């Protein structure tokens, strides 16, 4: 499973919507109920699934699916 598929699965699980489809330019306002609490769930699930850890300042920079994907790729390359 690649990073995009993992992120897709995380979002589907967090939002309890197996039909949720993401695109890289998607931002928080485009998904109903994507608030700060859901964001924490998304971050924690990504960390767990990919066995990585984000810093607070990195999390603050996530504004879109593309940002999250890039950060996950960066963290995986540092392992």
PDB file of N, CA and C in Angstrom:
ATOM      1  N   UNK A   1       0.854  -1.180   0.000  1.00  0.00           N
ATOM      2  CA  UNK A   1       0.000   0.000   0.000  1.00  0.00           C
ATOM      3  C   UNK A   1       0.899   1.242   0.000  1.00  0.00           C
ATOM      4  N   UNK A   2       0.619   2.185  -0.887  1.00  0.00           N
ATOM      5  CA  UNK A   2       1.437   3.403  -0.933  1.00  0.00           C
ATOM      6  C   UNK A   2       0.883   4.465   0.023  1.00  0.00           C
ATOM      7  N   UNK A   3       1.608   5.554   0.153  1.00  0.00           N
ATOM      8  CA  UNK A   3       1.235   6.599   1.115  1.00  0.00           C
ATOM      9  C   UNK A   3      -0.152   7.159   0.816  1.00  0.00           C
ATOM     10  N   UNK A   4      -0.456   7.395  -0.448  1.00  0.00           N
ATOM     11  CA  UNK A   4      -1.774   7.935  -0.797  1.00  0.00           C
ATOM     12  C   UNK A   4      -2.888   6.990  -0.375  1.00  0.00           C
ATOM     13  N   UNK A   5      -2.686   5.699  -0.573  1.00  0.00           N
ATOM     14  CA  UNK A   5      -3.690   4.717  -0.178  1.00  0.00           C
ATOM     15  C   UNK A   5      -3.843   4.664   1.342  1.00  0.00           C
ATOM     16  N   UNK A   6      -2.731   4.761   2.054  1.00  0.00           N
ATOM     17  CA  UNK A   6      -2.777   4.749   3.517  1.00  0.00           C
ATOM     18  C   UNK A   6      -3.537   5.971   4.031  1.00  0.00           C
ATOM     19  N   UNK A   7      -3.219   7.144   3.489  1.00  0.00           N
ATOM     20  CA  UNK A   7      -3.904   8.369   3.901  1.00  0.00           C
ATOM     21  C   UNK A   7      -5.389   8.274   3.566  1.00  0.00           C
ATOM     22  N   UNK A   8      -5.711   7.752   2.395  1.00  0.00           N
ATOM     23  CA  UNK A   8      -7.110   7.558   1.995  1.00  0.00           C
ATOM     24  C   UNK A   8      -7.833   6.679   3.016  1.00  0.00           C
ATOM     25  N   UNK A   9      -7.212   5.573   3.391  1.00  0.00           N
ATOM     26  CA  UNK A   9      -7.801   4.643   4.363  1.00  0.00           C
ATOM     27  C   UNK A   9      -7.965   5.302   5.723  1.00  0.00           C
ATOM     28  N   UNK A  10      -6.972   6.079   6.147  1.00  0.00           N
ATOM     29  CA  UNK A  10      -7.052   6.794   7.426  1.00  0.00           C
ATOM     30  C   UNK A  10      -8.262   7.730   7.421  1.00  0.00           C
ATOM     31  N   UNK A  11      -8.409   8.514   6.373  1.00  0.00           N
ATOM     32  CA  UNK A  11      -9.532   9.451   6.290  1.00  0.00           C
ATOM     33  C   UNK A  11     -10.864   8.718   6.271  1.00  0.00           C
ATOM     34  N   UNK A  12     -10.942   7.630   5.522  1.00  0.00           N
ATOM     35  CA  UNK A  12     -12.183   6.855   5.475  1.00  0.00           C
ATOM     36  C   UNK A  12     -12.547   6.329   6.857  1.00  0.00           C
ATOM     37  N   UNK A  13     -11.557   5.886   7.598  1.00  0.00           N
ATOM     38  CA  UNK A  13     -11.794   5.375   8.942  1.00  0.00           C
ATOM     39  C   UNK A  13     -12.187   6.508   9.900  1.00  0.00           C
ATOM     40  N   UNK A  14     -11.413   7.580   9.913  1.00  0.00           N
ATOM     41  CA  UNK A  14     -11.668   8.701  10.832  1.00  0.00           C
ATOM     42  C   UNK A  14     -13.053   9.302  10.595  1.00  0.00           C
ATOM     43  N   UNK A  15     -13.458   9.411   9.345  1.00  0.00           N
ATOM     44  CA  UNK A  15     -14.745  10.015   9.020  1.00  0.00           C
ATOM     45  C   UNK A  15     -15.862   8.982   8.848  1.00  0.00           C
ATOM     46  N   UNK A  16     -15.549   7.719   9.123  1.00  0.00           N
ATOM     47  CA  UNK A  16     -16.530   6.629   9.021  1.00  0.00           C
ATOM     48  C   UNK A  16     -17.261   6.660   7.680  1.00  0.00           C
ATOM     49  N   UNK A  17     -16.468   6.839   6.619  1.00  0.00           N
ATOM     50  CA  UNK A  17     -17.036   6.938   5.283  1.00  0.00           C
ATOM     51  C   UNK A  17     -16.149   6.179   4.297  1.00  0.00           C
ATOM     52  N   UNK A  18     -16.486   4.900   4.035  1.00  0.00           N
ATOM     53  CA  UNK A  18     -15.653   4.108   3.125  1.00  0.00           C
ATOM     54  C   UNK A  18     -15.661   4.601   1.682  1.00  0.00           C
ATOM     55  N   UNK A  19     -16.582   5.495   1.350  1.00  0.00           N
ATOM     56  CA  UNK A  19     -16.662   6.036  -0.016  1.00  0.00           C
ATOM     57  C   UNK A  19     -15.948   7.370  -0.178  1.00  0.00           C
ATOM     58  N   UNK A  20     -15.365   7.889   0.895  1.00  0.00           N
ATOM     59  CA  UNK A  20     -14.674   9.171   0.844  1.00  0.00           C
ATOM     60  C   UNK A  20     -13.481   9.082  -0.098  1.00  0.00           C
ATOM     61  N   UNK A  21     -13.432   9.975  -1.058  1.00  0.00           N
ATOM     62  CA  UNK A  21     -12.328  10.028  -2.022  1.00  0.00           C
ATOM     63  C   UNK A  21     -11.580  11.336  -1.838  1.00  0.00           C
ATOM     64  N   UNK A  22     -10.278  11.243  -1.715  1.00  0.00           N
ATOM     65  CA  UNK A  22      -9.436  12.422  -1.516  1.00  0.00           C
ATOM     66  C   UNK A  22      -8.765  12.828  -2.817  1.00  0.00           C
ATOM     67  N   UNK A  23      -8.403  14.098  -2.897  1.00  0.00           N
ATOM     68  CA  UNK A  23      -7.529  14.581  -3.963  1.00  0.00           C
ATOM     69  C   UNK A  23      -6.485  15.476  -3.303  1.00  0.00           C
ATOM     70  N   UNK A  24      -5.355  15.608  -3.922  1.00  0.00           N
ATOM     71  CA  UNK A  24      -4.203  16.271  -3.304  1.00  0.00           C
ATOM     72  C   UNK A  24      -4.450  17.731  -2.946  1.00  0.00           C
ATOM     73  N   UNK A  25      -5.310  18.421  -3.651  1.00  0.00           N
ATOM     74  CA  UNK A  25      -5.564  19.835  -3.370  1.00  0.00           C
ATOM     75  C   UNK A  25      -6.667  20.048  -2.330  1.00  0.00           C
ATOM     76  N   UNK A  26      -7.236  18.960  -1.819  1.00  0.00           N
ATOM     77  CA  UNK A  26      -8.324  19.052  -0.840  1.00  0.00           C
ATOM     78  C   UNK A  26      -7.814  19.704   0.439  1.00  0.00           C
ATOM     79  N   UNK A  27      -8.627  20.623   0.976  1.00  0.00           N
ATOM     80  CA  UNK A  27      -8.289  21.321   2.220  1.00  0.00           C
ATOM     81  C   UNK A  27      -9.373  21.054   3.260  1.00  0.00           C
ATOM     82  N   UNK A  28      -9.097  21.465   4.486  1.00  0.00           N
ATOM     83  CA  UNK A  28      -9.975  21.131   5.604  1.00  0.00           C
ATOM     84  C   UNK A  28     -11.438  21.487   5.371  1.00  0.00           C
ATOM     85  N   UNK A  29     -11.736  22.596   4.798  1.00  0.00           N
ATOM     86  CA  UNK A  29     -13.115  23.019   4.607  1.00  0.00           C
ATOM     87  C   UNK A  29     -13.914  22.188   3.627  1.00  0.00           C
ATOM     88  N   UNK A  30     -13.252  21.323   2.878  1.00  0.00           N
ATOM     89  CA  UNK A  30     -13.938  20.540   1.856  1.00  0.00           C
ATOM     90  C   UNK A  30     -14.569  19.255   2.389  1.00  0.00           C
ATOM     91  N   UNK A  31     -14.224  18.863   3.594  1.00  0.00           N
ATOM     92  CA  UNK A  31     -14.794  17.657   4.182  1.00  0.00           C
ATOM     93  C   UNK A  31     -15.601  18.068   5.414  1.00  0.00           C
ATOM     94  N   UNK A  32     -16.879  17.725   5.387  1.00  0.00           N
ATOM     95  CA  UNK A  32     -17.754  18.046   6.514  1.00  0.00           C
ATOM     96  C   UNK A  32     -17.191  17.391   7.774  1.00  0.00           C
ATOM     97  N   UNK A  33     -17.163  18.138   8.858  1.00  0.00           N
ATOM     98  CA  UNK A  33     -16.699  17.667  10.173  1.00  0.00           C
ATOM     99  C   UNK A  33     -15.173  17.573  10.299  1.00  0.00           C
ATOM    100  N   UNK A  34     -14.414  18.067   9.319  1.00  0.00           N
ATOM    101  CA  UNK A  34     -12.949  18.066   9.463  1.00  0.00           C
ATOM    102  C   UNK A  34     -12.590  19.275  10.311  1.00  0.00           C
ATOM    103  N   UNK A  35     -12.541  19.053  11.605  1.00  0.00           N
ATOM    104  CA  UNK A  35     -12.212  20.106  12.553  1.00  0.00           C
ATOM    105  C   UNK A  35     -10.907  19.754  13.265  1.00  0.00           C
ATOM    106  N   UNK A  36     -10.549  20.504  14.282  1.00  0.00           N
ATOM    107  CA  UNK A  36      -9.277  20.282  14.976  1.00  0.00           C
ATOM    108  C   UNK A  36      -9.237  18.921  15.665  1.00  0.00           C
ATOM    109  N   UNK A  37     -10.366  18.437  16.134  1.00  0.00           N
ATOM    110  CA  UNK A  37     -10.398  17.126  16.787  1.00  0.00           C
ATOM    111  C   UNK A  37     -10.158  16.007  15.768  1.00  0.00           C
ATOM    112  N   UNK A  38     -10.796  16.122  14.624  1.00  0.00           N
ATOM    113  CA  UNK A  38     -10.575  15.135  13.557  1.00  0.00           C
ATOM    114  C   UNK A  38      -9.136  15.213  13.060  1.00  0.00           C
ATOM    115  N   UNK A  39      -8.595  16.411  13.027  1.00  0.00           N
ATOM    116  CA  UNK A  39      -7.220  16.576  12.579  1.00  0.00           C
ATOM    117  C   UNK A  39      -6.266  15.801  13.492  1.00  0.00           C
ATOM    118  N   UNK A  40      -6.505  15.859  14.794  1.00  0.00           N
ATOM    119  CA  UNK A  40      -5.677  15.101  15.743  1.00  0.00           C
ATOM    120  C   UNK A  40      -5.799  13.611  15.458  1.00  0.00           C
ATOM    121  N   UNK A  41      -7.008  13.139  15.225  1.00  0.00           N
ATOM    122  CA  UNK A  41      -7.218  11.727  14.903  1.00  0.00           C
ATOM    123  C   UNK A  41      -6.473  11.326  13.635  1.00  0.00           C
ATOM    124  N   UNK A  42      -6.529  12.185  12.625  1.00  0.00           N
ATOM    125  CA  UNK A  42      -5.848  11.916  11.353  1.00  0.00           C
ATOM    126  C   UNK A  42      -4.344  11.832  11.569  1.00  0.00           C
ATOM    127  N   UNK A  43      -3.792  12.794  12.279  1.00  0.00           N
ATOM    128  CA  UNK A  43      -2.347  12.830  12.523  1.00  0.00           C
ATOM    129  C   UNK A  43      -1.905  11.593  13.299  1.00  0.00           C
ATOM    130  N   UNK A  44      -2.619  11.269  14.365  1.00  0.00           N
ATOM    131  CA  UNK A  44      -2.258  10.100  15.173  1.00  0.00           C
ATOM    132  C   UNK A  44      -2.363   8.810  14.370  1.00  0.00           C
ATOM    133  N   UNK A  45      -3.388   8.691  13.556  1.00  0.00           N
ATOM    134  CA  UNK A  45      -3.556   7.489  12.738  1.00  0.00           C
ATOM    135  C   UNK A  45      -2.448   7.372  11.689  1.00  0.00           C
ATOM    136  N   UNK A  46      -2.077   8.479  11.077  1.00  0.00           N
ATOM    137  CA  UNK A  46      -0.980   8.462  10.100  1.00  0.00           C
ATOM    138  C   UNK A  46       0.334   8.064  10.783  1.00  0.00           C
ATOM    139  N   UNK A  47       0.583   8.644  11.938  1.00  0.00           N
ATOM    140  CA  UNK A  47       1.796   8.294  12.680  1.00  0.00           C
ATOM    141  C   UNK A  47       1.830   6.805  12.986  1.00  0.00           C
ATOM    142  N   UNK A  48       0.716   6.281  13.416  1.00  0.00           N
ATOM    143  CA  UNK A  48       0.651   4.866  13.792  1.00  0.00           C
ATOM    144  C   UNK A  48       0.798   3.963  12.562  1.00  0.00           C
ATOM    145  N   UNK A  49       0.064   4.260  11.507  1.00  0.00           N
ATOM    146  CA  UNK A  49       0.098   3.426  10.310  1.00  0.00           C
ATOM    147  C   UNK A  49       1.468   3.420   9.635  1.00  0.00           C
ATOM    148  N   UNK A  50       2.117   4.578   9.630  1.00  0.00           N
ATOM    149  CA  UNK A  50       3.400   4.718   8.935  1.00  0.00           C
ATOM    150  C   UNK A  50       4.604   4.591   9.868  1.00  0.00           C
ATOM    151  N   UNK A  51       4.332   4.469  11.163  1.00  0.00           N
ATOM    152  CA  UNK A  51       5.386   4.372  12.178  1.00  0.00           C
ATOM    153  C   UNK A  51       6.362   5.546  12.087  1.00  0.00           C
ATOM    154  N   UNK A  52       5.773   6.741  12.096  1.00  0.00           N
ATOM    155  CA  UNK A  52       6.533   7.991  12.065  1.00  0.00           C
ATOM    156  C   UNK A  52       6.020   8.881  13.186  1.00  0.00           C
ATOM    157  N   UNK A  53       6.707  10.003  13.392  1.00  0.00           N
ATOM    158  CA  UNK A  53       6.264  10.941  14.411  1.00  0.00           C
ATOM    159  C   UNK A  53       6.458  12.365  13.890  1.00  0.00           C
ATOM    160  N   UNK A  54       5.402  13.167  14.028  1.00  0.00           N
ATOM    161  CA  UNK A  54       5.435  14.551  13.595  1.00  0.00           C
ATOM    162  C   UNK A  54       5.769  15.463  14.767  1.00  0.00           C
ATOM    163  N   UNK A  55       6.381  16.581  14.457  1.00  0.00           N
ATOM    164  CA  UNK A  55       6.597  17.634  15.450  1.00  0.00           C
ATOM    165  C   UNK A  55       5.439  18.625  15.346  1.00  0.00           C
ATOM    166  N   UNK A  56       5.185  19.329  16.437  1.00  0.00           N
ATOM    167  CA  UNK A  56       4.058  20.271  16.475  1.00  0.00           C
ATOM    168  C   UNK A  56       4.142  21.303  15.353  1.00  0.00           C
ATOM    169  N   UNK A  57       5.323  21.839  15.104  1.00  0.00           N
ATOM    170  CA  UNK A  57       5.434  22.868  14.062  1.00  0.00           C
ATOM    171  C   UNK A  57       5.182  22.293  12.669  1.00  0.00           C
ATOM    172  N   UNK A  58       5.473  20.996  12.484  1.00  0.00           N
ATOM    173  CA  UNK A  58       5.181  20.357  11.199  1.00  0.00           C
ATOM    174  C   UNK A  58       3.668  20.206  11.021  1.00  0.00           C
ATOM    175  N   UNK A  59       2.999  19.809  12.081  1.00  0.00           N
ATOM    176  CA  UNK A  59       1.551  19.636  12.038  1.00  0.00           C
ATOM    177  C   UNK A  59       0.864  20.960  11.727  1.00  0.00           C
ATOM    178  N   UNK A  60       1.369  22.039  12.299  1.00  0.00           N
ATOM    179  CA  UNK A  60       0.796  23.370  12.071  1.00  0.00           C
ATOM    180  C   UNK A  60       0.855  23.788  10.608  1.00  0.00           C
ATOM    181  N   UNK A  61       1.747  23.193   9.839  1.00  0.00           N
ATOM    182  CA  UNK A  61       1.923  23.568   8.433  1.00  0.00           C
ATOM    183  C   UNK A  61       1.025  22.772   7.482  1.00  0.00           C
ATOM    184  N   UNK A  62       0.307  21.778   7.995  1.00  0.00           N
ATOM    185  CA  UNK A  62      -0.553  20.955   7.151  1.00  0.00           C
ATOM    186  C   UNK A  62      -1.846  21.707   6.854  1.00  0.00           C
ATOM    187  N   UNK A  63      -2.050  22.015   5.582  1.00  0.00           N
ATOM    188  CA  UNK A  63      -3.241  22.751   5.155  1.00  0.00           C
ATOM    189  C   UNK A  63      -4.063  21.973   4.121  1.00  0.00           C
ATOM    190  N   UNK A  64      -3.441  20.927   3.558  1.00  0.00           N
ATOM    191  CA  UNK A  64      -4.108  20.171   2.496  1.00  0.00           C
ATOM    192  C   UNK A  64      -3.643  18.713   2.535  1.00  0.00           C
ATOM    193  N   UNK A  65      -4.297  17.910   1.742  1.00  0.00           N
ATOM    194  CA  UNK A  65      -3.881  16.504   1.609  1.00  0.00           C
ATOM    195  C   UNK A  65      -2.472  16.449   1.047  1.00  0.00           C
ATOM    196  N   UNK A  66      -2.148  17.330   0.123  1.00  0.00           N
ATOM    197  CA  UNK A  66      -0.802  17.369  -0.460  1.00  0.00           C
ATOM    198  C   UNK A  66       0.244  17.661   0.614  1.00  0.00           C
ATOM    199  N   UNK A  67      -0.053  18.589   1.519  1.00  0.00           N
ATOM    200  CA  UNK A  67       0.879  18.898   2.612  1.00  0.00           C
ATOM    201  C   UNK A  67       1.106  17.671   3.490  1.00  0.00           C
ATOM    202  N   UNK A  68       0.021  16.979   3.828  1.00  0.00           N
ATOM    203  CA  UNK A  68       0.128  15.786   4.660  1.00  0.00           C
ATOM    204  C   UNK A  68       0.922  14.700   3.940  1.00  0.00           C
ATOM    205  N   UNK A  69       0.665  14.506   2.668  1.00  0.00           N
ATOM    206  CA  UNK A  69       1.378  13.498   1.879  1.00  0.00           C
ATOM    207  C   UNK A  69       2.872  13.807   1.832  1.00  0.00           C
ATOM    208  N   UNK A  70       3.209  15.064   1.558  1.00  0.00           N
ATOM    209  CA  UNK A  70       4.616  15.469   1.493  1.00  0.00           C
ATOM    210  C   UNK A  70       5.315  15.243   2.827  1.00  0.00           C
ATOM    211  N   UNK A  71       4.650  15.604   3.904  1.00  0.00           N
ATOM    212  CA  UNK A  71       5.240  15.443   5.228  1.00  0.00           C
ATOM    213  C   UNK A  71       5.446  13.960   5.551  1.00  0.00           C
ATOM    214  N   UNK A  72       4.480  13.124   5.221  1.00  0.00           N
ATOM    215  CA  UNK A  72       4.631  11.687   5.447  1.00  0.00           C
ATOM    216  C   UNK A  72       5.796  11.133   4.616  1.00  0.00           C
ATOM    217  N   UNK A  73       5.890  11.531   3.364  1.00  0.00           N
ATOM    218  CA  UNK A  73       6.994  11.075   2.515  1.00  0.00           C
ATOM    219  C   UNK A  73       8.339  11.519   3.079  1.00  0.00           C
ATOM    220  N   UNK A  74       8.395  12.764   3.550  1.00  0.00           N
ATOM    221  CA  UNK A  74       9.621  13.287   4.141  1.00  0.00           C
ATOM    222  C   UNK A  74      10.024  12.476   5.370  1.00  0.00           C
ATOM    223  N   UNK A  75       9.052  12.202   6.248  1.00  0.00           N
ATOM    224  CA  UNK A  75       9.331  11.461   7.460  1.00  0.00           C
ATOM    225  C   UNK A  75       9.794  10.034   7.153  1.00  0.00           C
ATOM    226  N   UNK A  76       9.182   9.421   6.169  1.00  0.00           N
ATOM    227  CA  UNK A  76       9.575   8.060   5.791  1.00  0.00           C
ATOM    228  C   UNK A  76      10.986   8.026   5.207  1.00  0.00           C
ATOM    229  N   UNK A  77      11.350   9.074   4.484  1.00  0.00           N
ATOM    230  CA  UNK A  77      12.690   9.116   3.892  1.00  0.00           C
ATOM    231  C   UNK A  77      13.771   9.343   4.950  1.00  0.00           C
ATOM    232  N   UNK A  78      13.376   9.876   6.108  1.00  0.00           N
ATOM    233  CA  UNK A  78      14.324  10.122   7.200  1.00  0.00           C
ATOM    234  C   UNK A  78      14.570   8.889   8.052  1.00  0.00           C
ATOM    235  N   UNK A  79      13.746   7.869   7.860  1.00  0.00           N
ATOM    236  CA  UNK A  79      13.871   6.663   8.693  1.00  0.00           C
ATOM    237  C   UNK A  79      15.125   5.882   8.362  1.00  0.00           C
TER     238      UNK A  79
END
